[in-house]
Amino acid sequence: PLGSVMGRAQYSNGFFFYQGCTVGGTYDKAGSINYPVIEENVKMYANSSILGKCHIGRNAQIGAGALVKNQDVPDNSIVFGQSPNLIIKTK
């Protein structure tokens, strides 16, 4: 996974990512930093990002180039696009 940055987050087993992916925090209005929670068997495809207060459900797939920021993703879903206009489809 060349060029990827896996920052602070709560990771579970089976997490997999391709090149150019980013996981990290965002500041809230109070100045605190929020980090993602990533459940089991999540896959991040090339150049996708998960930032901030996110809960990524089990078996979720984050599509290539997708940006998930301060938004939850349900179990068994595929995500495309960018927050706040994510396209979430059930597998």
C-alpha atoms as a PDB file:
ATOM      1  CA  PRO A   1       0.000   0.000   0.000  1.00  0.00           C
ATOM      2  CA  LEU A   2       2.477   2.587  -1.235  1.00  0.00           C
ATOM      3  CA  GLY A   3       1.786   6.184  -0.186  1.00  0.00           C
ATOM      4  CA  SER A   4      -0.922   5.320   2.346  1.00  0.00           C
ATOM      5  CA  VAL A   5      -1.226   6.990   5.758  1.00  0.00           C
ATOM      6  CA  MET A   6      -2.975   5.021   8.507  1.00  0.00           C
ATOM      7  CA  GLY A   7      -3.376   7.459  11.398  1.00  0.00           C
ATOM      8  CA  ARG A   8      -5.070   7.137  14.734  1.00  0.00           C
ATOM      9  CA  ALA A   9      -8.273   5.138  14.570  1.00  0.00           C
ATOM     10  CA  GLN A  10      -9.778   2.068  16.145  1.00  0.00           C
ATOM     11  CA  TYR A  11      -8.997  -0.765  13.718  1.00  0.00           C
ATOM     12  CA  SER A  12     -10.495  -4.266  13.760  1.00  0.00           C
ATOM     13  CA  ASN A  13      -9.315  -7.550  12.247  1.00  0.00           C
ATOM     14  CA  GLY A  14      -9.356  -8.014   8.500  1.00  0.00           C
ATOM     15  CA  PHE A  15      -8.804  -4.337   7.613  1.00  0.00           C
ATOM     16  CA  PHE A  16      -7.291  -4.063   4.109  1.00  0.00           C
ATOM     17  CA  PHE A  17      -6.236  -1.036   2.062  1.00  0.00           C
ATOM     18  CA  TYR A  18      -4.659  -0.286  -1.309  1.00  0.00           C
ATOM     19  CA  GLN A  19      -2.248   2.489  -2.370  1.00  0.00           C
ATOM     20  CA  GLY A  20      -2.840   6.145  -1.588  1.00  0.00           C
ATOM     21  CA  CYS A  21      -5.379   5.611   1.209  1.00  0.00           C
ATOM     22  CA  THR A  22      -5.705   7.871   4.254  1.00  0.00           C
ATOM     23  CA  VAL A  23      -7.240   7.353   7.693  1.00  0.00           C
ATOM     24  CA  GLY A  24      -7.138  10.252  10.144  1.00  0.00           C
ATOM     25  CA  GLY A  25      -8.864  12.679  12.445  1.00  0.00           C
ATOM     26  CA  THR A  26     -10.761  15.944  12.118  1.00  0.00           C
ATOM     27  CA  TYR A  27     -11.314  18.769  14.595  1.00  0.00           C
ATOM     28  CA  ASP A  28     -14.787  19.491  15.939  1.00  0.00           C
ATOM     29  CA  LYS A  29     -16.116  22.937  16.944  1.00  0.00           C
ATOM     30  CA  ALA A  30     -14.803  22.518  20.496  1.00  0.00           C
ATOM     31  CA  GLY A  31     -11.271  21.913  19.206  1.00  0.00           C
ATOM     32  CA  SER A  32     -11.193  18.179  19.985  1.00  0.00           C
ATOM     33  CA  ILE A  33      -9.937  15.677  17.435  1.00  0.00           C
ATOM     34  CA  ASN A  34     -12.296  12.847  16.423  1.00  0.00           C
ATOM     35  CA  TYR A  35     -11.016   9.592  14.943  1.00  0.00           C
ATOM     36  CA  PRO A  36     -12.765   6.799  12.981  1.00  0.00           C
ATOM     37  CA  VAL A  37     -13.877   3.406  14.262  1.00  0.00           C
ATOM     38  CA  ILE A  38     -13.340   0.737  11.615  1.00  0.00           C
ATOM     39  CA  GLU A  39     -15.058  -2.620  12.113  1.00  0.00           C
ATOM     40  CA  GLU A  40     -13.998  -6.066  10.818  1.00  0.00           C
ATOM     41  CA  ASN A  41     -13.209  -6.886   7.181  1.00  0.00           C
ATOM     42  CA  VAL A  42     -13.319  -3.323   5.830  1.00  0.00           C
ATOM     43  CA  LYS A  43     -11.625  -2.737   2.463  1.00  0.00           C
ATOM     44  CA  MET A  44     -10.413   0.635   1.232  1.00  0.00           C
ATOM     45  CA  TYR A  45      -9.705   0.839  -2.477  1.00  0.00           C
ATOM     46  CA  ALA A  46      -7.074   3.114  -4.067  1.00  0.00           C
ATOM     47  CA  ASN A  47      -6.962   6.782  -3.046  1.00  0.00           C
ATOM     48  CA  SER A  48      -9.898   6.579  -0.645  1.00  0.00           C
ATOM     49  CA  SER A  49     -10.049   8.374   2.720  1.00  0.00           C
ATOM     50  CA  ILE A  50     -11.812   7.933   6.058  1.00  0.00           C
ATOM     51  CA  LEU A  51     -11.583  11.038   8.227  1.00  0.00           C
ATOM     52  CA  GLY A  52     -13.059  12.153  11.532  1.00  0.00           C
ATOM     53  CA  LYS A  53     -16.000  10.900  13.543  1.00  0.00           C
ATOM     54  CA  CYS A  54     -16.956   7.884  11.403  1.00  0.00           C
ATOM     55  CA  HIS A  55     -18.160   4.410  12.226  1.00  0.00           C
ATOM     56  CA  ILE A  56     -17.419   2.060   9.331  1.00  0.00           C
ATOM     57  CA  GLY A  57     -19.487  -1.123   9.610  1.00  0.00           C
ATOM     58  CA  ARG A  58     -18.428  -4.729   9.130  1.00  0.00           C
ATOM     59  CA  ASN A  59     -17.653  -5.908   5.588  1.00  0.00           C
ATOM     60  CA  ALA A  60     -17.909  -2.373   4.160  1.00  0.00           C
ATOM     61  CA  GLN A  61     -16.034  -1.426   1.010  1.00  0.00           C
ATOM     62  CA  ILE A  62     -14.856   2.137   0.434  1.00  0.00           C
ATOM     63  CA  GLY A  63     -14.687   2.691  -3.342  1.00  0.00           C
ATOM     64  CA  ALA A  64     -11.674   4.104  -5.180  1.00  0.00           C
ATOM     65  CA  GLY A  65     -11.350   7.846  -4.625  1.00  0.00           C
ATOM     66  CA  ALA A  66     -14.156   7.990  -2.041  1.00  0.00           C
ATOM     67  CA  LEU A  67     -13.991  10.462   0.854  1.00  0.00           C
ATOM     68  CA  VAL A  68     -15.868   9.514   4.030  1.00  0.00           C
ATOM     69  CA  LYS A  69     -15.724  12.433   6.479  1.00  0.00           C
ATOM     70  CA  ASN A  70     -17.674  12.559   9.756  1.00  0.00           C
ATOM     71  CA  GLN A  71     -20.274  10.133   8.392  1.00  0.00           C
ATOM     72  CA  ASP A  72     -21.219   6.547   9.309  1.00  0.00           C
ATOM     73  CA  VAL A  73     -21.245   3.635   6.875  1.00  0.00           C
ATOM     74  CA  PRO A  74     -23.547   0.658   7.638  1.00  0.00           C
ATOM     75  CA  ASP A  75     -22.484  -3.008   7.667  1.00  0.00           C
ATOM     76  CA  ASN A  76     -22.269  -4.839   4.329  1.00  0.00           C
ATOM     77  CA  SER A  77     -22.252  -1.762   2.128  1.00  0.00           C
ATOM     78  CA  ILE A  78     -20.282  -0.221  -0.726  1.00  0.00           C
ATOM     79  CA  VAL A  79     -19.537   3.511  -0.662  1.00  0.00           C
ATOM     80  CA  PHE A  80     -18.774   5.895  -3.549  1.00  0.00           C
ATOM     81  CA  GLY A  81     -18.392   9.662  -3.812  1.00  0.00           C
ATOM     82  CA  GLN A  82     -17.580  12.244  -1.176  1.00  0.00           C
ATOM     83  CA  SER A  83     -19.172  13.300   2.095  1.00  0.00           C
ATOM     84  CA  PRO A  84     -21.714  14.730   2.679  1.00  0.00           C
ATOM     85  CA  ASN A  85     -23.051  13.357  -0.650  1.00  0.00           C
ATOM     86  CA  LEU A  86     -21.961   9.716  -0.311  1.00  0.00           C
ATOM     87  CA  ILE A  87     -23.624   7.044  -2.377  1.00  0.00           C
ATOM     88  CA  ILE A  88     -24.141   4.024  -0.112  1.00  0.00           C
ATOM     89  CA  LYS A  89     -25.331   0.743  -1.594  1.00  0.00           C
ATOM     90  CA  THR A  90     -26.068  -2.527   0.183  1.00  0.00           C
ATOM     91  CA  LYS A  91     -24.001  -5.494  -0.964  1.00  0.00           C
END
